[in-house]
Amino acid sequence: MSDDWEKWTFGELESLLSKIHEIDDTRRTAFQARLKNLHRLRYPLGFQSEKGKTSYYSASDIFQMALALELTQLGLPPDRTVNVLCRGMFATCMAVRLAATSLIKAPGGFHTEPDAPDQPLPMFVFFDPAALSTLMSGYDYKIAPDLDAAMNSYFYGGIGIVRENIANWTSGDIPRMSIVNVTALIDIVAGRNSSVDYRIDFFKRLMAWSVEYENSMPAERIEEYVWQYLESDFTVELVGHPEADVINLVCDSLTIDQAIVAPIIRQYLIAVEKANDRNS
């Protein structure tokens, strides 16, 4: 593998991912075609592959390709995988930032002993795969991708959010939820047998990428994510709690600056109170 996380070739990328997914040597050509198909769908975002020219992959490209394969393993076809990840890039970046920060502090990654004191912080992305969506009546994600259940449910959170809400997520009309441990995926991609310095370099590059993306996000997109969190089933009932407590809870959960979150939460609480008044 390349010593430079910004100069990986397609061959090096394919070799790593085929090893992670235990691809049979006789099926490597088919696997390569699947990776190239993601490029044809313009993924990862910003990556450019030109025929006849060597394309180089950055740390963020490598991770994004690895994540796309995890969604593929969970049953999403390539076009839905790309739609979900492109639309959910903010959630991915937030999970990556927290996961990478934790791995920098615990560069050895996960241990076989679950109670080891220096374990990194598990961060997850989760969603409803709805893999039968192409067969569902009155729904075609190719015509109306904004209605894609996986896209609309794709979000992120730590072990606390997952542990507290897993029963609620799966106890209603939809008894399923797919989860990817982003921290573990980064840990695996970095190479668990690689040197500490090599791994930390990867973690720092991912953290820098995620911070850069977050800072480039338009304010309305961040507002959309906060509203999605507040209105989803992924959080406890917030109405009735002191505003300051709600702001602190959301800031801790989403790791978004309080100055950005506070006015959005105030709008949300006012809207809910008005709706409750009309229904009372």
C-alpha atoms as a PDB file:
ATOM      1  CA  MET A   1       0.000   0.000   0.000  1.00  0.00           C
ATOM      2  CA  SER A   2       1.053   3.589  -0.613  1.00  0.00           C
ATOM      3  CA  ASP A   3       2.785   5.420   2.220  1.00  0.00           C
ATOM      4  CA  ASP A   4       0.807   8.545   1.255  1.00  0.00           C
ATOM      5  CA  TRP A   5      -2.912   8.481   2.084  1.00  0.00           C
ATOM      6  CA  GLU A   6      -3.502  11.045  -0.681  1.00  0.00           C
ATOM      7  CA  LYS A   7      -1.851   9.008  -3.454  1.00  0.00           C
ATOM      8  CA  TRP A   8      -3.595   5.646  -3.524  1.00  0.00           C
ATOM      9  CA  THR A   9      -4.170   4.081  -6.940  1.00  0.00           C
ATOM     10  CA  PHE A  10      -7.255   2.147  -7.988  1.00  0.00           C
ATOM     11  CA  GLY A  11      -5.293  -1.086  -7.713  1.00  0.00           C
ATOM     12  CA  GLU A  12      -4.340  -0.337  -4.109  1.00  0.00           C
ATOM     13  CA  LEU A  13      -7.898   0.667  -3.253  1.00  0.00           C
ATOM     14  CA  GLU A  14      -9.353  -2.474  -4.828  1.00  0.00           C
ATOM     15  CA  SER A  15      -6.779  -4.664  -3.095  1.00  0.00           C
ATOM     16  CA  LEU A  16      -7.665  -3.230   0.326  1.00  0.00           C
ATOM     17  CA  LEU A  17     -11.431  -3.438  -0.141  1.00  0.00           C
ATOM     18  CA  SER A  18     -11.331  -6.928  -1.622  1.00  0.00           C
ATOM     19  CA  LYS A  19      -9.356  -8.074   1.408  1.00  0.00           C
ATOM     20  CA  ILE A  20     -11.802  -6.446   3.812  1.00  0.00           C
ATOM     21  CA  HIS A  21     -14.762  -8.130   2.117  1.00  0.00           C
ATOM     22  CA  GLU A  22     -12.946 -11.420   1.490  1.00  0.00           C
ATOM     23  CA  ILE A  23     -13.572 -11.337  -2.257  1.00  0.00           C
ATOM     24  CA  ASP A  24     -12.640 -14.577  -4.007  1.00  0.00           C
ATOM     25  CA  ASP A  25      -9.711 -14.153  -6.401  1.00  0.00           C
ATOM     26  CA  THR A  26     -11.817 -15.553  -9.240  1.00  0.00           C
ATOM     27  CA  ARG A  27     -14.377 -12.761  -8.670  1.00  0.00           C
ATOM     28  CA  ARG A  28     -11.976  -9.822  -8.427  1.00  0.00           C
ATOM     29  CA  THR A  29     -12.782  -8.598 -11.950  1.00  0.00           C
ATOM     30  CA  ALA A  30     -16.490  -8.424 -11.110  1.00  0.00           C
ATOM     31  CA  PHE A  31     -15.646  -6.647  -7.862  1.00  0.00           C
ATOM     32  CA  GLN A  32     -13.523  -4.095  -9.723  1.00  0.00           C
ATOM     33  CA  ALA A  33     -16.446  -3.448 -12.055  1.00  0.00           C
ATOM     34  CA  ARG A  34     -18.658  -2.685  -9.051  1.00  0.00           C
ATOM     35  CA  LEU A  35     -16.171  -0.143  -7.740  1.00  0.00           C
ATOM     36  CA  LYS A  36     -15.905   1.524 -11.147  1.00  0.00           C
ATOM     37  CA  ASN A  37     -19.680   1.642 -11.387  1.00  0.00           C
ATOM     38  CA  LEU A  38     -19.724   3.829  -8.284  1.00  0.00           C
ATOM     39  CA  HIS A  39     -17.396   6.201 -10.128  1.00  0.00           C
ATOM     40  CA  ARG A  40     -19.753   6.242 -13.103  1.00  0.00           C
ATOM     41  CA  LEU A  41     -22.453   7.330 -10.679  1.00  0.00           C
ATOM     42  CA  ARG A  42     -20.163  10.244  -9.706  1.00  0.00           C
ATOM     43  CA  TYR A  43     -19.125   8.858  -6.356  1.00  0.00           C
ATOM     44  CA  PRO A  44     -17.261   9.751  -4.202  1.00  0.00           C
ATOM     45  CA  LEU A  45     -18.288  13.387  -4.365  1.00  0.00           C
ATOM     46  CA  GLY A  46     -15.594  15.443  -6.054  1.00  0.00           C
ATOM     47  CA  PHE A  47     -13.639  12.419  -7.265  1.00  0.00           C
ATOM     48  CA  GLN A  48     -12.691  12.467 -10.941  1.00  0.00           C
ATOM     49  CA  SER A  49     -11.625   9.437 -12.920  1.00  0.00           C
ATOM     50  CA  GLU A  50     -10.377   9.939 -16.482  1.00  0.00           C
ATOM     51  CA  LYS A  51      -9.934   7.069 -18.879  1.00  0.00           C
ATOM     52  CA  GLY A  52      -6.294   6.463 -19.701  1.00  0.00           C
ATOM     53  CA  LYS A  53      -5.034   8.506 -16.764  1.00  0.00           C
ATOM     54  CA  THR A  54      -4.005   7.362 -13.300  1.00  0.00           C
ATOM     55  CA  SER A  55      -6.513   8.477 -10.682  1.00  0.00           C
ATOM     56  CA  TYR A  56      -5.387   8.979  -7.117  1.00  0.00           C
ATOM     57  CA  TYR A  57      -7.539   8.466  -4.056  1.00  0.00           C
ATOM     58  CA  SER A  58      -7.356  10.584  -0.921  1.00  0.00           C
ATOM     59  CA  ALA A  59      -8.056   9.370   2.595  1.00  0.00           C
ATOM     60  CA  SER A  60     -11.644  10.619   2.333  1.00  0.00           C
ATOM     61  CA  ASP A  61     -12.124   8.894  -1.046  1.00  0.00           C
ATOM     62  CA  ILE A  62     -10.904   5.612   0.404  1.00  0.00           C
ATOM     63  CA  PHE A  63     -13.260   5.856   3.361  1.00  0.00           C
ATOM     64  CA  GLN A  64     -16.243   6.874   1.236  1.00  0.00           C
ATOM     65  CA  MET A  65     -15.731   3.892  -1.056  1.00  0.00           C
ATOM     66  CA  ALA A  66     -15.490   1.599   1.961  1.00  0.00           C
ATOM     67  CA  LEU A  67     -18.714   3.020   3.382  1.00  0.00           C
ATOM     68  CA  ALA A  68     -20.502   2.605   0.053  1.00  0.00           C
ATOM     69  CA  LEU A  69     -19.630  -1.086   0.080  1.00  0.00           C
ATOM     70  CA  GLU A  70     -21.071  -1.438   3.581  1.00  0.00           C
ATOM     71  CA  LEU A  71     -24.400  -0.076   2.339  1.00  0.00           C
ATOM     72  CA  THR A  72     -24.160  -2.467  -0.606  1.00  0.00           C
ATOM     73  CA  GLN A  73     -23.641  -5.332   1.838  1.00  0.00           C
ATOM     74  CA  LEU A  74     -26.851  -4.219   3.567  1.00  0.00           C
ATOM     75  CA  GLY A  75     -28.859  -4.610   0.370  1.00  0.00           C
ATOM     76  CA  LEU A  76     -28.844  -1.196  -1.324  1.00  0.00           C
ATOM     77  CA  PRO A  77     -28.165  -1.179  -5.094  1.00  0.00           C
ATOM     78  CA  PRO A  78     -25.406   1.170  -6.318  1.00  0.00           C
ATOM     79  CA  ASP A  79     -27.675   4.033  -7.413  1.00  0.00           C
ATOM     80  CA  ARG A  80     -29.533   4.103  -4.093  1.00  0.00           C
ATOM     81  CA  THR A  81     -26.269   3.815  -2.193  1.00  0.00           C
ATOM     82  CA  VAL A  82     -24.890   6.885  -3.978  1.00  0.00           C
ATOM     83  CA  ASN A  83     -28.128   8.854  -3.477  1.00  0.00           C
ATOM     84  CA  VAL A  84     -28.228   8.058   0.240  1.00  0.00           C
ATOM     85  CA  LEU A  85     -24.577   8.886   0.872  1.00  0.00           C
ATOM     86  CA  CYS A  86     -24.544  12.068  -1.205  1.00  0.00           C
ATOM     87  CA  ARG A  87     -27.709  13.327   0.450  1.00  0.00           C
ATOM     88  CA  GLY A  88     -26.515  12.199   3.874  1.00  0.00           C
ATOM     89  CA  MET A  89     -22.967  13.530   3.585  1.00  0.00           C
ATOM     90  CA  PHE A  90     -23.398  15.871   6.536  1.00  0.00           C
ATOM     91  CA  ALA A  91     -24.433  12.994   8.819  1.00  0.00           C
ATOM     92  CA  THR A  92     -21.497  10.916   7.567  1.00  0.00           C
ATOM     93  CA  CYS A  93     -19.020  13.727   8.157  1.00  0.00           C
ATOM     94  CA  MET A  94     -20.268  14.348  11.678  1.00  0.00           C
ATOM     95  CA  ALA A  95     -19.889  10.655  12.492  1.00  0.00           C
ATOM     96  CA  VAL A  96     -16.441  10.590  10.884  1.00  0.00           C
ATOM     97  CA  ARG A  97     -15.246  13.638  12.809  1.00  0.00           C
ATOM     98  CA  LEU A  98     -16.215  12.151  16.155  1.00  0.00           C
ATOM     99  CA  ALA A  99     -14.918   8.695  15.255  1.00  0.00           C
ATOM    100  CA  ALA A 100     -11.589  10.002  13.921  1.00  0.00           C
ATOM    101  CA  THR A 101     -11.091  12.250  16.948  1.00  0.00           C
ATOM    102  CA  SER A 102     -11.650   9.266  19.223  1.00  0.00           C
ATOM    103  CA  LEU A 103      -9.267   7.071  17.225  1.00  0.00           C
ATOM    104  CA  ILE A 104      -6.536   9.714  17.396  1.00  0.00           C
ATOM    105  CA  LYS A 105      -6.761   9.430  21.183  1.00  0.00           C
ATOM    106  CA  ALA A 106      -6.912   5.619  21.030  1.00  0.00           C
ATOM    107  CA  PRO A 107      -4.917   4.798  17.872  1.00  0.00           C
ATOM    108  CA  GLY A 108      -4.765   1.110  18.712  1.00  0.00           C
ATOM    109  CA  GLY A 109      -8.435   0.867  17.799  1.00  0.00           C
ATOM    110  CA  PHE A 110     -10.840  -1.674  19.188  1.00  0.00           C
ATOM    111  CA  HIS A 111      -9.620  -4.497  21.417  1.00  0.00           C
ATOM    112  CA  THR A 112     -10.961  -8.008  21.754  1.00  0.00           C
ATOM    113  CA  GLU A 113     -11.593  -7.278  25.421  1.00  0.00           C
ATOM    114  CA  PRO A 114     -14.752  -5.123  25.405  1.00  0.00           C
ATOM    115  CA  ASP A 115     -14.002  -3.584  28.811  1.00  0.00           C
ATOM    116  CA  ALA A 116     -10.530  -2.337  27.876  1.00  0.00           C
ATOM    117  CA  PRO A 117     -10.130   1.238  29.193  1.00  0.00           C
ATOM    118  CA  ASP A 118      -8.706   2.779  26.004  1.00  0.00           C
ATOM    119  CA  GLN A 119     -11.421   1.745  23.557  1.00  0.00           C
ATOM    120  CA  PRO A 120     -12.363   4.384  20.963  1.00  0.00           C
ATOM    121  CA  LEU A 121     -15.834   5.901  20.893  1.00  0.00           C
ATOM    122  CA  PRO A 122     -18.212   3.939  18.651  1.00  0.00           C
ATOM    123  CA  MET A 123     -20.044   6.228  16.211  1.00  0.00           C
ATOM    124  CA  PHE A 124     -22.739   4.915  13.922  1.00  0.00           C
ATOM    125  CA  VAL A 125     -24.781   5.772  10.877  1.00  0.00           C
ATOM    126  CA  PHE A 126     -28.163   4.103  10.726  1.00  0.00           C
ATOM    127  CA  PHE A 127     -31.092   3.929   8.315  1.00  0.00           C
ATOM    128  CA  ASP A 128     -34.017   1.855   7.085  1.00  0.00           C
ATOM    129  CA  PRO A 129     -32.691   0.036   3.971  1.00  0.00           C
ATOM    130  CA  ALA A 130     -36.191  -0.661   2.590  1.00  0.00           C
ATOM    131  CA  ALA A 131     -34.553  -3.017   0.092  1.00  0.00           C
ATOM    132  CA  LEU A 132     -37.945  -3.988  -1.363  1.00  0.00           C
ATOM    133  CA  SER A 133     -38.774  -0.381  -2.240  1.00  0.00           C
ATOM    134  CA  THR A 134     -38.656  -1.076  -5.986  1.00  0.00           C
ATOM    135  CA  LEU A 135     -41.571  -3.501  -5.511  1.00  0.00           C
ATOM    136  CA  MET A 136     -43.664  -1.238  -3.299  1.00  0.00           C
ATOM    137  CA  SER A 137     -46.871   0.225  -4.727  1.00  0.00           C
ATOM    138  CA  GLY A 138     -46.961   3.907  -5.575  1.00  0.00           C
ATOM    139  CA  TYR A 139     -43.250   4.392  -5.062  1.00  0.00           C
ATOM    140  CA  ASP A 140     -40.291   4.644  -7.399  1.00  0.00           C
ATOM    141  CA  TYR A 141     -37.093   6.066  -5.920  1.00  0.00           C
ATOM    142  CA  LYS A 142     -35.716   6.660  -9.443  1.00  0.00           C
ATOM    143  CA  ILE A 143     -38.598   9.006 -10.215  1.00  0.00           C
ATOM    144  CA  ALA A 144     -38.835  10.535  -6.744  1.00  0.00           C
ATOM    145  CA  PRO A 145     -35.503   9.953  -4.955  1.00  0.00           C
ATOM    146  CA  ASP A 146     -36.476  12.360  -2.167  1.00  0.00           C
ATOM    147  CA  LEU A 147     -39.021   9.759  -1.049  1.00  0.00           C
ATOM    148  CA  ASP A 148     -36.349   7.106  -0.545  1.00  0.00           C
ATOM    149  CA  ALA A 149     -36.837   5.646   2.936  1.00  0.00           C
ATOM    150  CA  ALA A 150     -33.120   4.960   3.336  1.00  0.00           C
ATOM    151  CA  MET A 151     -32.240   8.511   2.369  1.00  0.00           C
ATOM    152  CA  ASN A 152     -34.800  10.081   4.682  1.00  0.00           C
ATOM    153  CA  SER A 153     -33.880   7.920   7.669  1.00  0.00           C
ATOM    154  CA  TYR A 154     -30.083   8.111   7.276  1.00  0.00           C
ATOM    155  CA  PHE A 155     -28.603   9.703  10.392  1.00  0.00           C
ATOM    156  CA  TYR A 156     -25.779   9.350  12.907  1.00  0.00           C
ATOM    157  CA  GLY A 157     -25.285   8.924  16.626  1.00  0.00           C
ATOM    158  CA  GLY A 158     -23.189   7.426  19.364  1.00  0.00           C
ATOM    159  CA  ILE A 159     -23.673   4.314  21.430  1.00  0.00           C
ATOM    160  CA  GLY A 160     -25.967   6.138  23.849  1.00  0.00           C
ATOM    161  CA  ILE A 161     -28.447   7.168  21.158  1.00  0.00           C
ATOM    162  CA  VAL A 162     -28.434   3.702  19.599  1.00  0.00           C
ATOM    163  CA  ARG A 163     -28.808   1.882  22.926  1.00  0.00           C
ATOM    164  CA  GLU A 164     -31.618   4.131  24.153  1.00  0.00           C
ATOM    165  CA  ASN A 165     -33.620   4.155  20.929  1.00  0.00           C
ATOM    166  CA  ILE A 166     -33.121   0.816  19.178  1.00  0.00           C
ATOM    167  CA  ALA A 167     -36.332  -0.598  20.671  1.00  0.00           C
ATOM    168  CA  ASN A 168     -38.345   2.479  19.657  1.00  0.00           C
ATOM    169  CA  TRP A 169     -36.976   2.445  16.110  1.00  0.00           C
ATOM    170  CA  THR A 170     -37.995  -1.155  15.543  1.00  0.00           C
ATOM    171  CA  SER A 171     -41.239  -1.414  17.515  1.00  0.00           C
ATOM    172  CA  GLY A 172     -43.556   0.502  15.186  1.00  0.00           C
ATOM    173  CA  ASP A 173     -44.711  -0.269  11.661  1.00  0.00           C
ATOM    174  CA  ILE A 174     -41.118  -0.877  10.515  1.00  0.00           C
ATOM    175  CA  PRO A 175     -39.339  -3.531  12.625  1.00  0.00           C
ATOM    176  CA  ARG A 176     -35.896  -3.078  11.071  1.00  0.00           C
ATOM    177  CA  MET A 177     -32.893  -0.761  11.124  1.00  0.00           C
ATOM    178  CA  SER A 178     -29.477  -1.086   9.501  1.00  0.00           C
ATOM    179  CA  ILE A 179     -26.432   0.135  11.435  1.00  0.00           C
ATOM    180  CA  VAL A 180     -22.818   0.702  10.369  1.00  0.00           C
ATOM    181  CA  ASN A 181     -20.138   1.268  13.011  1.00  0.00           C
ATOM    182  CA  VAL A 182     -18.203   4.140  11.424  1.00  0.00           C
ATOM    183  CA  THR A 183     -15.452   4.018  14.047  1.00  0.00           C
ATOM    184  CA  ALA A 184     -14.847   0.330  13.405  1.00  0.00           C
ATOM    185  CA  LEU A 185     -14.871   0.858   9.646  1.00  0.00           C
ATOM    186  CA  ILE A 186     -12.227   3.596   9.898  1.00  0.00           C
ATOM    187  CA  ASP A 187     -10.224   1.362  12.235  1.00  0.00           C
ATOM    188  CA  ILE A 188     -10.337  -1.494   9.697  1.00  0.00           C
ATOM    189  CA  VAL A 189      -9.502   0.660   6.668  1.00  0.00           C
ATOM    190  CA  ALA A 190      -6.509   2.175   8.483  1.00  0.00           C
ATOM    191  CA  GLY A 191      -5.040  -1.314   8.781  1.00  0.00           C
ATOM    192  CA  ARG A 192      -5.034  -2.817  12.235  1.00  0.00           C
ATOM    193  CA  ASN A 193      -1.509  -4.127  11.669  1.00  0.00           C
ATOM    194  CA  SER A 194      -0.203  -0.797  10.354  1.00  0.00           C
ATOM    195  CA  SER A 195       2.113   1.436  12.342  1.00  0.00           C
ATOM    196  CA  VAL A 196       0.569   3.856  14.835  1.00  0.00           C
ATOM    197  CA  ASP A 197       1.947   6.877  12.952  1.00  0.00           C
ATOM    198  CA  TYR A 198       0.454   5.619   9.683  1.00  0.00           C
ATOM    199  CA  ARG A 199      -2.941   5.099  11.321  1.00  0.00           C
ATOM    200  CA  ILE A 200      -2.944   8.456  13.091  1.00  0.00           C
ATOM    201  CA  ASP A 201      -2.119  10.186   9.810  1.00  0.00           C
ATOM    202  CA  PHE A 202      -5.214   8.573   8.275  1.00  0.00           C
ATOM    203  CA  PHE A 203      -7.408   9.566  11.210  1.00  0.00           C
ATOM    204  CA  LYS A 204      -6.189  13.174  11.086  1.00  0.00           C
ATOM    205  CA  ARG A 205      -6.822  13.429   7.351  1.00  0.00           C
ATOM    206  CA  LEU A 206     -10.363  12.148   7.795  1.00  0.00           C
ATOM    207  CA  MET A 207     -10.986  14.577  10.637  1.00  0.00           C
ATOM    208  CA  ALA A 208      -9.696  17.486   8.534  1.00  0.00           C
ATOM    209  CA  TRP A 209     -11.901  16.443   5.617  1.00  0.00           C
ATOM    210  CA  SER A 210     -15.009  16.196   7.796  1.00  0.00           C
ATOM    211  CA  VAL A 211     -14.382  19.574   9.422  1.00  0.00           C
ATOM    212  CA  GLU A 212     -13.809  21.191   6.022  1.00  0.00           C
ATOM    213  CA  TYR A 213     -17.058  19.756   4.697  1.00  0.00           C
ATOM    214  CA  GLU A 214     -19.007  20.843   7.775  1.00  0.00           C
ATOM    215  CA  ASN A 215     -17.651  24.386   7.485  1.00  0.00           C
ATOM    216  CA  SER A 216     -18.648  24.532   3.817  1.00  0.00           C
ATOM    217  CA  MET A 217     -22.243  23.492   4.505  1.00  0.00           C
ATOM    218  CA  PRO A 218     -24.863  26.168   3.807  1.00  0.00           C
ATOM    219  CA  ALA A 219     -26.732  27.251   6.922  1.00  0.00           C
ATOM    220  CA  GLU A 220     -30.031  25.991   5.500  1.00  0.00           C
ATOM    221  CA  ARG A 221     -28.668  22.451   5.119  1.00  0.00           C
ATOM    222  CA  ILE A 222     -27.513  22.399   8.743  1.00  0.00           C
ATOM    223  CA  GLU A 223     -30.931  23.722   9.780  1.00  0.00           C
ATOM    224  CA  GLU A 224     -32.555  20.924   7.780  1.00  0.00           C
ATOM    225  CA  TYR A 225     -30.518  18.316   9.673  1.00  0.00           C
ATOM    226  CA  VAL A 226     -31.415  19.765  13.048  1.00  0.00           C
ATOM    227  CA  TRP A 227     -35.105  19.766  12.143  1.00  0.00           C
ATOM    228  CA  GLN A 228     -34.781  16.201  10.888  1.00  0.00           C
ATOM    229  CA  TYR A 229     -33.323  15.200  14.240  1.00  0.00           C
ATOM    230  CA  LEU A 230     -36.005  17.019  16.228  1.00  0.00           C
ATOM    231  CA  GLU A 231     -38.882  15.572  14.199  1.00  0.00           C
ATOM    232  CA  SER A 232     -37.587  12.029  13.910  1.00  0.00           C
ATOM    233  CA  ASP A 233     -38.205   9.013  16.089  1.00  0.00           C
ATOM    234  CA  PHE A 234     -34.482   8.989  16.861  1.00  0.00           C
ATOM    235  CA  THR A 235     -34.842  11.276  19.864  1.00  0.00           C
ATOM    236  CA  VAL A 236     -36.805  11.439  23.101  1.00  0.00           C
ATOM    237  CA  GLU A 237     -39.845  13.663  23.540  1.00  0.00           C
ATOM    238  CA  LEU A 238     -38.411  17.151  23.991  1.00  0.00           C
ATOM    239  CA  VAL A 239     -41.503  19.290  24.441  1.00  0.00           C
ATOM    240  CA  GLY A 240     -42.095  20.283  28.048  1.00  0.00           C
ATOM    241  CA  HIS A 241     -38.436  20.308  28.993  1.00  0.00           C
ATOM    242  CA  PRO A 242     -36.655  23.614  29.687  1.00  0.00           C
ATOM    243  CA  GLU A 243     -35.335  25.189  26.504  1.00  0.00           C
ATOM    244  CA  ALA A 244     -31.771  25.261  27.823  1.00  0.00           C
ATOM    245  CA  ASP A 245     -31.897  21.514  28.519  1.00  0.00           C
ATOM    246  CA  VAL A 246     -33.192  20.799  25.016  1.00  0.00           C
ATOM    247  CA  ILE A 247     -30.448  22.929  23.460  1.00  0.00           C
ATOM    248  CA  ASN A 248     -27.751  21.166  25.484  1.00  0.00           C
ATOM    249  CA  LEU A 249     -29.160  17.740  24.591  1.00  0.00           C
ATOM    250  CA  VAL A 250     -29.254  18.459  20.855  1.00  0.00           C
ATOM    251  CA  CYS A 251     -25.801  20.080  20.854  1.00  0.00           C
ATOM    252  CA  ASP A 252     -24.349  17.060  22.663  1.00  0.00           C
ATOM    253  CA  SER A 253     -26.080  14.634  20.307  1.00  0.00           C
ATOM    254  CA  LEU A 254     -25.288  16.388  17.026  1.00  0.00           C
ATOM    255  CA  THR A 255     -22.044  18.128  18.065  1.00  0.00           C
ATOM    256  CA  ILE A 256     -23.138  21.292  16.303  1.00  0.00           C
ATOM    257  CA  ASP A 257     -22.266  24.727  17.657  1.00  0.00           C
ATOM    258  CA  GLN A 258     -24.861  26.009  20.125  1.00  0.00           C
ATOM    259  CA  ALA A 259     -25.059  29.381  18.370  1.00  0.00           C
ATOM    260  CA  ILE A 260     -26.375  27.574  15.290  1.00  0.00           C
ATOM    261  CA  VAL A 261     -28.674  25.140  17.082  1.00  0.00           C
ATOM    262  CA  ALA A 262     -30.347  27.455  19.622  1.00  0.00           C
ATOM    263  CA  PRO A 263     -32.505  29.566  17.237  1.00  0.00           C
ATOM    264  CA  ILE A 264     -33.574  26.454  15.312  1.00  0.00           C
ATOM    265  CA  ILE A 265     -34.711  24.736  18.507  1.00  0.00           C
ATOM    266  CA  ARG A 266     -36.645  27.826  19.574  1.00  0.00           C
ATOM    267  CA  GLN A 267     -38.482  27.797  16.232  1.00  0.00           C
ATOM    268  CA  TYR A 268     -39.220  24.103  16.638  1.00  0.00           C
ATOM    269  CA  LEU A 269     -40.547  24.410  20.203  1.00  0.00           C
ATOM    270  CA  ILE A 270     -42.761  27.345  19.236  1.00  0.00           C
ATOM    271  CA  ALA A 271     -44.135  25.422  16.252  1.00  0.00           C
ATOM    272  CA  VAL A 272     -44.900  22.372  18.399  1.00  0.00           C
ATOM    273  CA  GLU A 273     -46.573  24.444  21.107  1.00  0.00           C
ATOM    274  CA  LYS A 274     -48.810  26.122  18.505  1.00  0.00           C
ATOM    275  CA  ALA A 275     -49.705  22.747  17.022  1.00  0.00           C
ATOM    276  CA  ASN A 276     -50.552  21.383  20.474  1.00  0.00           C
ATOM    277  CA  ASP A 277     -52.715  24.440  21.206  1.00  0.00           C
ATOM    278  CA  ARG A 278     -54.664  23.914  17.986  1.00  0.00           C
ATOM    279  CA  ASN A 279     -55.238  20.262  18.822  1.00  0.00           C
ATOM    280  CA  SER A 280     -56.259  20.859  22.430  1.00  0.00           C
END
